[in-house]
Amino acid sequence: MTMLANRKEACATLGLDHLDDGALHNSMKNIQSQMEEAVRQGASLTSEYIVQLSQQLDGYVVIAQTRKMRLNR
């Protein structure tokens, strides 16, 4: 598993530069809903699908945290 080194790399990798905060939040909620539904349908938390969704969500969290830190300066 590769780690994203910084916001710029994360944005480039995930293509998130164009998302405003509302769209970023909606995307994160969508991934969360997909994860919840998969678990409701019996998917294991270690299943490939859940792990993929979790990794996507991690990327979005990096962006959100970076944006928040930038605002708190």
PDB file of N, CA and C in Angstrom:
ATOM      1  N   MET A   1       0.845  -1.175   0.000  1.00  0.00           N
ATOM      2  CA  MET A   1       0.000   0.000   0.000  1.00  0.00           C
ATOM      3  C   MET A   1       0.887   1.233   0.000  1.00  0.00           C
ATOM      4  N   THR A   2       0.664   2.153  -0.917  1.00  0.00           N
ATOM      5  CA  THR A   2       1.456   3.367  -0.965  1.00  0.00           C
ATOM      6  C   THR A   2       0.783   4.460  -0.143  1.00  0.00           C
ATOM      7  N   MET A   3       1.596   5.285   0.447  1.00  0.00           N
ATOM      8  CA  MET A   3       1.087   6.397   1.235  1.00  0.00           C
ATOM      9  C   MET A   3       1.208   7.678   0.420  1.00  0.00           C
ATOM     10  N   LEU A   4       0.238   8.559   0.563  1.00  0.00           N
ATOM     11  CA  LEU A   4       0.291   9.842  -0.101  1.00  0.00           C
ATOM     12  C   LEU A   4       1.104  10.795   0.765  1.00  0.00           C
ATOM     13  N   ALA A   5       2.122  11.410   0.182  1.00  0.00           N
ATOM     14  CA  ALA A   5       3.071  12.187   0.971  1.00  0.00           C
ATOM     15  C   ALA A   5       2.521  13.542   1.402  1.00  0.00           C
ATOM     16  N   ASN A   6       1.732  14.160   0.575  1.00  0.00           N
ATOM     17  CA  ASN A   6       1.240  15.485   0.920  1.00  0.00           C
ATOM     18  C   ASN A   6      -0.041  15.783   0.160  1.00  0.00           C
ATOM     19  N   ARG A   7      -0.638  16.932   0.438  1.00  0.00           N
ATOM     20  CA  ARG A   7      -1.905  17.303  -0.185  1.00  0.00           C
ATOM     21  C   ARG A   7      -1.789  17.368  -1.704  1.00  0.00           C
ATOM     22  N   LYS A   8      -0.712  17.970  -2.198  1.00  0.00           N
ATOM     23  CA  LYS A   8      -0.547  18.111  -3.645  1.00  0.00           C
ATOM     24  C   LYS A   8      -0.507  16.744  -4.318  1.00  0.00           C
ATOM     25  N   GLU A   9       0.242  15.821  -3.735  1.00  0.00           N
ATOM     26  CA  GLU A   9       0.324  14.469  -4.296  1.00  0.00           C
ATOM     27  C   GLU A   9      -1.025  13.765  -4.190  1.00  0.00           C
ATOM     28  N   ALA A  10      -1.700  13.925  -3.059  1.00  0.00           N
ATOM     29  CA  ALA A  10      -3.011  13.297  -2.877  1.00  0.00           C
ATOM     30  C   ALA A  10      -4.006  13.831  -3.897  1.00  0.00           C
ATOM     31  N   CYS A  11      -4.033  15.135  -4.086  1.00  0.00           N
ATOM     32  CA  CYS A  11      -4.952  15.736  -5.056  1.00  0.00           C
ATOM     33  C   CYS A  11      -4.658  15.239  -6.462  1.00  0.00           C
ATOM     34  N   ALA A  12      -3.380  15.175  -6.817  1.00  0.00           N
ATOM     35  CA  ALA A  12      -3.011  14.717  -8.150  1.00  0.00           C
ATOM     36  C   ALA A  12      -3.404  13.258  -8.349  1.00  0.00           C
ATOM     37  N   THR A  13      -3.158  12.459  -7.327  1.00  0.00           N
ATOM     38  CA  THR A  13      -3.462  11.031  -7.423  1.00  0.00           C
ATOM     39  C   THR A  13      -4.957  10.787  -7.502  1.00  0.00           C
ATOM     40  N   LEU A  14      -5.719  11.502  -6.695  1.00  0.00           N
ATOM     41  CA  LEU A  14      -7.153  11.261  -6.604  1.00  0.00           C
ATOM     42  C   LEU A  14      -7.977  12.161  -7.513  1.00  0.00           C
ATOM     43  N   GLY A  15      -7.362  13.162  -8.128  1.00  0.00           N
ATOM     44  CA  GLY A  15      -8.094  14.076  -8.989  1.00  0.00           C
ATOM     45  C   GLY A  15      -9.096  14.923  -8.221  1.00  0.00           C
ATOM     46  N   LEU A  16      -8.699  15.433  -7.063  1.00  0.00           N
ATOM     47  CA  LEU A  16      -9.631  16.152  -6.193  1.00  0.00           C
ATOM     48  C   LEU A  16      -9.439  17.662  -6.193  1.00  0.00           C
ATOM     49  N   ASP A  17      -8.518  18.172  -6.968  1.00  0.00           N
ATOM     50  CA  ASP A  17      -8.278  19.616  -6.978  1.00  0.00           C
ATOM     51  C   ASP A  17      -9.525  20.421  -7.296  1.00  0.00           C
ATOM     52  N   HIS A  18     -10.389  19.885  -8.110  1.00  0.00           N
ATOM     53  CA  HIS A  18     -11.557  20.616  -8.576  1.00  0.00           C
ATOM     54  C   HIS A  18     -12.725  20.597  -7.586  1.00  0.00           C
ATOM     55  N   LEU A  19     -12.668  19.756  -6.540  1.00  0.00           N
ATOM     56  CA  LEU A  19     -13.792  19.613  -5.626  1.00  0.00           C
ATOM     57  C   LEU A  19     -13.795  20.715  -4.571  1.00  0.00           C
ATOM     58  N   ASP A  20     -14.953  21.355  -4.411  1.00  0.00           N
ATOM     59  CA  ASP A  20     -15.082  22.283  -3.294  1.00  0.00           C
ATOM     60  C   ASP A  20     -15.383  21.483  -2.039  1.00  0.00           C
ATOM     61  N   ASP A  21     -15.425  22.145  -0.904  1.00  0.00           N
ATOM     62  CA  ASP A  21     -15.600  21.439   0.366  1.00  0.00           C
ATOM     63  C   ASP A  21     -16.914  20.662   0.418  1.00  0.00           C
ATOM     64  N   GLY A  22     -17.975  21.223  -0.112  1.00  0.00           N
ATOM     65  CA  GLY A  22     -19.271  20.540  -0.114  1.00  0.00           C
ATOM     66  C   GLY A  22     -19.244  19.273  -0.943  1.00  0.00           C
ATOM     67  N   ALA A  23     -18.635  19.342  -2.109  1.00  0.00           N
ATOM     68  CA  ALA A  23     -18.534  18.168  -2.981  1.00  0.00           C
ATOM     69  C   ALA A  23     -17.632  17.111  -2.346  1.00  0.00           C
ATOM     70  N   LEU A  24     -16.569  17.554  -1.692  1.00  0.00           N
ATOM     71  CA  LEU A  24     -15.678  16.620  -1.006  1.00  0.00           C
ATOM     72  C   LEU A  24     -16.437  15.901   0.107  1.00  0.00           C
ATOM     73  N   HIS A  25     -17.203  16.657   0.886  1.00  0.00           N
ATOM     74  CA  HIS A  25     -18.004  16.073   1.965  1.00  0.00           C
ATOM     75  C   HIS A  25     -19.018  15.076   1.416  1.00  0.00           C
ATOM     76  N   ASN A  26     -19.694  15.445   0.339  1.00  0.00           N
ATOM     77  CA  ASN A  26     -20.689  14.546  -0.264  1.00  0.00           C
ATOM     78  C   ASN A  26     -20.040  13.256  -0.766  1.00  0.00           C
ATOM     79  N   SER A  27     -18.872  13.375  -1.351  1.00  0.00           N
ATOM     80  CA  SER A  27     -18.162  12.189  -1.834  1.00  0.00           C
ATOM     81  C   SER A  27     -17.779  11.271  -0.676  1.00  0.00           C
ATOM     82  N   MET A  28     -17.341  11.873   0.424  1.00  0.00           N
ATOM     83  CA  MET A  28     -16.979  11.084   1.599  1.00  0.00           C
ATOM     84  C   MET A  28     -18.203  10.382   2.184  1.00  0.00           C
ATOM     85  N   LYS A  29     -19.321  11.081   2.254  1.00  0.00           N
ATOM     86  CA  LYS A  29     -20.552  10.478   2.766  1.00  0.00           C
ATOM     87  C   LYS A  29     -21.019   9.345   1.851  1.00  0.00           C
ATOM     88  N   ASN A  30     -20.850   9.515   0.547  1.00  0.00           N
ATOM     89  CA  ASN A  30     -21.222   8.481  -0.414  1.00  0.00           C
ATOM     90  C   ASN A  30     -20.394   7.218  -0.193  1.00  0.00           C
ATOM     91  N   ILE A  31     -19.096   7.374  -0.001  1.00  0.00           N
ATOM     92  CA  ILE A  31     -18.234   6.219   0.253  1.00  0.00           C
ATOM     93  C   ILE A  31     -18.643   5.551   1.560  1.00  0.00           C
ATOM     94  N   GLN A  32     -18.913   6.352   2.570  1.00  0.00           N
ATOM     95  CA  GLN A  32     -19.348   5.795   3.856  1.00  0.00           C
ATOM     96  C   GLN A  32     -20.640   4.990   3.687  1.00  0.00           C
ATOM     97  N   SER A  33     -21.573   5.516   2.930  1.00  0.00           N
ATOM     98  CA  SER A  33     -22.838   4.809   2.690  1.00  0.00           C
ATOM     99  C   SER A  33     -22.604   3.490   1.962  1.00  0.00           C
ATOM    100  N   GLN A  34     -21.706   3.509   0.977  1.00  0.00           N
ATOM    101  CA  GLN A  34     -21.378   2.280   0.248  1.00  0.00           C
ATOM    102  C   GLN A  34     -20.782   1.237   1.189  1.00  0.00           C
ATOM    103  N   MET A  35     -19.926   1.686   2.092  1.00  0.00           N
ATOM    104  CA  MET A  35     -19.311   0.768   3.055  1.00  0.00           C
ATOM    105  C   MET A  35     -20.372   0.181   3.987  1.00  0.00           C
ATOM    106  N   GLU A  36     -21.241   1.032   4.496  1.00  0.00           N
ATOM    107  CA  GLU A  36     -22.294   0.570   5.393  1.00  0.00           C
ATOM    108  C   GLU A  36     -23.215  -0.442   4.698  1.00  0.00           C
ATOM    109  N   GLU A  37     -23.569  -0.156   3.462  1.00  0.00           N
ATOM    110  CA  GLU A  37     -24.446  -1.067   2.718  1.00  0.00           C
ATOM    111  C   GLU A  37     -23.758  -2.405   2.471  1.00  0.00           C
ATOM    112  N   ALA A  38     -22.492  -2.359   2.117  1.00  0.00           N
ATOM    113  CA  ALA A  38     -21.753  -3.607   1.876  1.00  0.00           C
ATOM    114  C   ALA A  38     -21.694  -4.456   3.147  1.00  0.00           C
ATOM    115  N   VAL A  39     -21.475  -3.816   4.284  1.00  0.00           N
ATOM    116  CA  VAL A  39     -21.427  -4.548   5.549  1.00  0.00           C
ATOM    117  C   VAL A  39     -22.806  -5.106   5.890  1.00  0.00           C
ATOM    118  N   ARG A  40     -23.848  -4.319   5.649  1.00  0.00           N
ATOM    119  CA  ARG A  40     -25.221  -4.809   5.877  1.00  0.00           C
ATOM    120  C   ARG A  40     -25.504  -6.052   5.040  1.00  0.00           C
ATOM    121  N   GLN A  41     -24.931  -6.097   3.840  1.00  0.00           N
ATOM    122  CA  GLN A  41     -25.149  -7.234   2.954  1.00  0.00           C
ATOM    123  C   GLN A  41     -24.190  -8.387   3.224  1.00  0.00           C
ATOM    124  N   GLY A  42     -23.402  -8.242   4.280  1.00  0.00           N
ATOM    125  CA  GLY A  42     -22.563  -9.361   4.702  1.00  0.00           C
ATOM    126  C   GLY A  42     -21.100  -9.291   4.319  1.00  0.00           C
ATOM    127  N   ALA A  43     -20.667  -8.203   3.727  1.00  0.00           N
ATOM    128  CA  ALA A  43     -19.253  -8.103   3.368  1.00  0.00           C
ATOM    129  C   ALA A  43     -18.400  -7.997   4.624  1.00  0.00           C
ATOM    130  N   SER A  44     -17.296  -8.675   4.624  1.00  0.00           N
ATOM    131  CA  SER A  44     -16.351  -8.618   5.733  1.00  0.00           C
ATOM    132  C   SER A  44     -15.618  -7.279   5.704  1.00  0.00           C
ATOM    133  N   LEU A  45     -15.248  -6.780   6.869  1.00  0.00           N
ATOM    134  CA  LEU A  45     -14.492  -5.526   6.925  1.00  0.00           C
ATOM    135  C   LEU A  45     -13.132  -5.653   6.256  1.00  0.00           C
ATOM    136  N   THR A  46     -12.672  -6.882   6.059  1.00  0.00           N
ATOM    137  CA  THR A  46     -11.384  -7.099   5.395  1.00  0.00           C
ATOM    138  C   THR A  46     -11.547  -7.508   3.933  1.00  0.00           C
ATOM    139  N   SER A  47     -12.777  -7.441   3.421  1.00  0.00           N
ATOM    140  CA  SER A  47     -12.989  -7.798   2.012  1.00  0.00           C
ATOM    141  C   SER A  47     -12.309  -6.775   1.107  1.00  0.00           C
ATOM    142  N   GLU A  48     -11.967  -7.221  -0.078  1.00  0.00           N
ATOM    143  CA  GLU A  48     -11.269  -6.343  -1.025  1.00  0.00           C
ATOM    144  C   GLU A  48     -12.077  -5.074  -1.299  1.00  0.00           C
ATOM    145  N   TYR A  49     -13.382  -5.209  -1.442  1.00  0.00           N
ATOM    146  CA  TYR A  49     -14.241  -4.060  -1.744  1.00  0.00           C
ATOM    147  C   TYR A  49     -14.219  -3.041  -0.603  1.00  0.00           C
ATOM    148  N   ILE A  50     -14.361  -3.505   0.625  1.00  0.00           N
ATOM    149  CA  ILE A  50     -14.363  -2.598   1.777  1.00  0.00           C
ATOM    150  C   ILE A  50     -12.991  -1.945   1.931  1.00  0.00           C
ATOM    151  N   VAL A  51     -11.941  -2.699   1.710  1.00  0.00           N
ATOM    152  CA  VAL A  51     -10.583  -2.143   1.808  1.00  0.00           C
ATOM    153  C   VAL A  51     -10.383  -1.060   0.747  1.00  0.00           C
ATOM    154  N   GLN A  52     -10.858  -1.305  -0.475  1.00  0.00           N
ATOM    155  CA  GLN A  52     -10.755  -0.299  -1.535  1.00  0.00           C
ATOM    156  C   GLN A  52     -11.500   0.981  -1.146  1.00  0.00           C
ATOM    157  N   LEU A  53     -12.719   0.820  -0.656  1.00  0.00           N
ATOM    158  CA  LEU A  53     -13.499   1.982  -0.237  1.00  0.00           C
ATOM    159  C   LEU A  53     -12.804   2.724   0.901  1.00  0.00           C
ATOM    160  N   SER A  54     -12.250   1.975   1.828  1.00  0.00           N
ATOM    161  CA  SER A  54     -11.542   2.575   2.950  1.00  0.00           C
ATOM    162  C   SER A  54     -10.333   3.375   2.480  1.00  0.00           C
ATOM    163  N   GLN A  55      -9.613   2.846   1.525  1.00  0.00           N
ATOM    164  CA  GLN A  55      -8.455   3.555   0.976  1.00  0.00           C
ATOM    165  C   GLN A  55      -8.886   4.824   0.252  1.00  0.00           C
ATOM    166  N   GLN A  56     -10.005   4.763  -0.482  1.00  0.00           N
ATOM    167  CA  GLN A  56     -10.532   5.968  -1.132  1.00  0.00           C
ATOM    168  C   GLN A  56     -10.884   7.012  -0.082  1.00  0.00           C
ATOM    169  N   LEU A  57     -11.573   6.562   0.959  1.00  0.00           N
ATOM    170  CA  LEU A  57     -11.982   7.474   2.016  1.00  0.00           C
ATOM    171  C   LEU A  57     -10.760   8.084   2.696  1.00  0.00           C
ATOM    172  N   ASP A  58      -9.726   7.298   2.906  1.00  0.00           N
ATOM    173  CA  ASP A  58      -8.495   7.815   3.506  1.00  0.00           C
ATOM    174  C   ASP A  58      -7.927   8.977   2.685  1.00  0.00           C
ATOM    175  N   GLY A  59      -7.952   8.842   1.379  1.00  0.00           N
ATOM    176  CA  GLY A  59      -7.457   9.918   0.514  1.00  0.00           C
ATOM    177  C   GLY A  59      -8.260  11.190   0.674  1.00  0.00           C
ATOM    178  N   TYR A  60      -9.575  11.048   0.752  1.00  0.00           N
ATOM    179  CA  TYR A  60     -10.436  12.206   0.947  1.00  0.00           C
ATOM    180  C   TYR A  60     -10.193  12.838   2.314  1.00  0.00           C
ATOM    181  N   VAL A  61      -9.963  12.010   3.320  1.00  0.00           N
ATOM    182  CA  VAL A  61      -9.705  12.522   4.673  1.00  0.00           C
ATOM    183  C   VAL A  61      -8.411  13.327   4.691  1.00  0.00           C
ATOM    184  N   VAL A  62      -7.389  12.869   3.995  1.00  0.00           N
ATOM    185  CA  VAL A  62      -6.129  13.615   3.903  1.00  0.00           C
ATOM    186  C   VAL A  62      -6.391  15.007   3.339  1.00  0.00           C
ATOM    187  N   ILE A  63      -7.181  15.071   2.290  1.00  0.00           N
ATOM    188  CA  ILE A  63      -7.485  16.361   1.670  1.00  0.00           C
ATOM    189  C   ILE A  63      -8.260  17.244   2.647  1.00  0.00           C
ATOM    190  N   ALA A  64      -9.286  16.697   3.282  1.00  0.00           N
ATOM    191  CA  ALA A  64     -10.116  17.477   4.216  1.00  0.00           C
ATOM    192  C   ALA A  64      -9.284  17.977   5.389  1.00  0.00           C
ATOM    193  N   GLN A  65      -8.432  17.137   5.938  1.00  0.00           N
ATOM    194  CA  GLN A  65      -7.598  17.553   7.065  1.00  0.00           C
ATOM    195  C   GLN A  65      -6.617  18.630   6.653  1.00  0.00           C
ATOM    196  N   THR A  66      -6.051  18.497   5.473  1.00  0.00           N
ATOM    197  CA  THR A  66      -5.107  19.491   4.982  1.00  0.00           C
ATOM    198  C   THR A  66      -5.793  20.832   4.791  1.00  0.00           C
ATOM    199  N   ARG A  67      -6.988  20.807   4.224  1.00  0.00           N
ATOM    200  CA  ARG A  67      -7.737  22.048   4.043  1.00  0.00           C
ATOM    201  C   ARG A  67      -8.062  22.688   5.391  1.00  0.00           C
ATOM    202  N   LYS A  68      -8.441  21.882   6.361  1.00  0.00           N
ATOM    203  CA  LYS A  68      -8.764  22.408   7.685  1.00  0.00           C
ATOM    204  C   LYS A  68      -7.534  23.017   8.342  1.00  0.00           C
ATOM    205  N   MET A  69      -6.394  22.328   8.229  1.00  0.00           N
ATOM    206  CA  MET A  69      -5.162  22.851   8.820  1.00  0.00           C
ATOM    207  C   MET A  69      -4.782  24.177   8.175  1.00  0.00           C
ATOM    208  N   ARG A  70      -4.976  24.289   6.878  1.00  0.00           N
ATOM    209  CA  ARG A  70      -4.633  25.516   6.163  1.00  0.00           C
ATOM    210  C   ARG A  70      -5.513  26.678   6.650  1.00  0.00           C
ATOM    211  N   LEU A  71      -6.778  26.395   6.946  1.00  0.00           N
ATOM    212  CA  LEU A  71      -7.685  27.435   7.429  1.00  0.00           C
ATOM    213  C   LEU A  71      -7.385  27.865   8.849  1.00  0.00           C
ATOM    214  N   ASN A  72      -6.809  26.971   9.646  1.00  0.00           N
ATOM    215  CA  ASN A  72      -6.525  27.269  11.047  1.00  0.00           C
ATOM    216  C   ASN A  72      -5.200  27.988  11.260  1.00  0.00           C
ATOM    217  N   ARG A  73      -4.500  28.311  10.222  1.00  0.00           N
ATOM    218  CA  ARG A  73      -3.212  29.008  10.366  1.00  0.00           C
ATOM    219  C   ARG A  73      -3.428  30.422  10.775  1.00  0.00           C
TER     220      ARG A  73
END
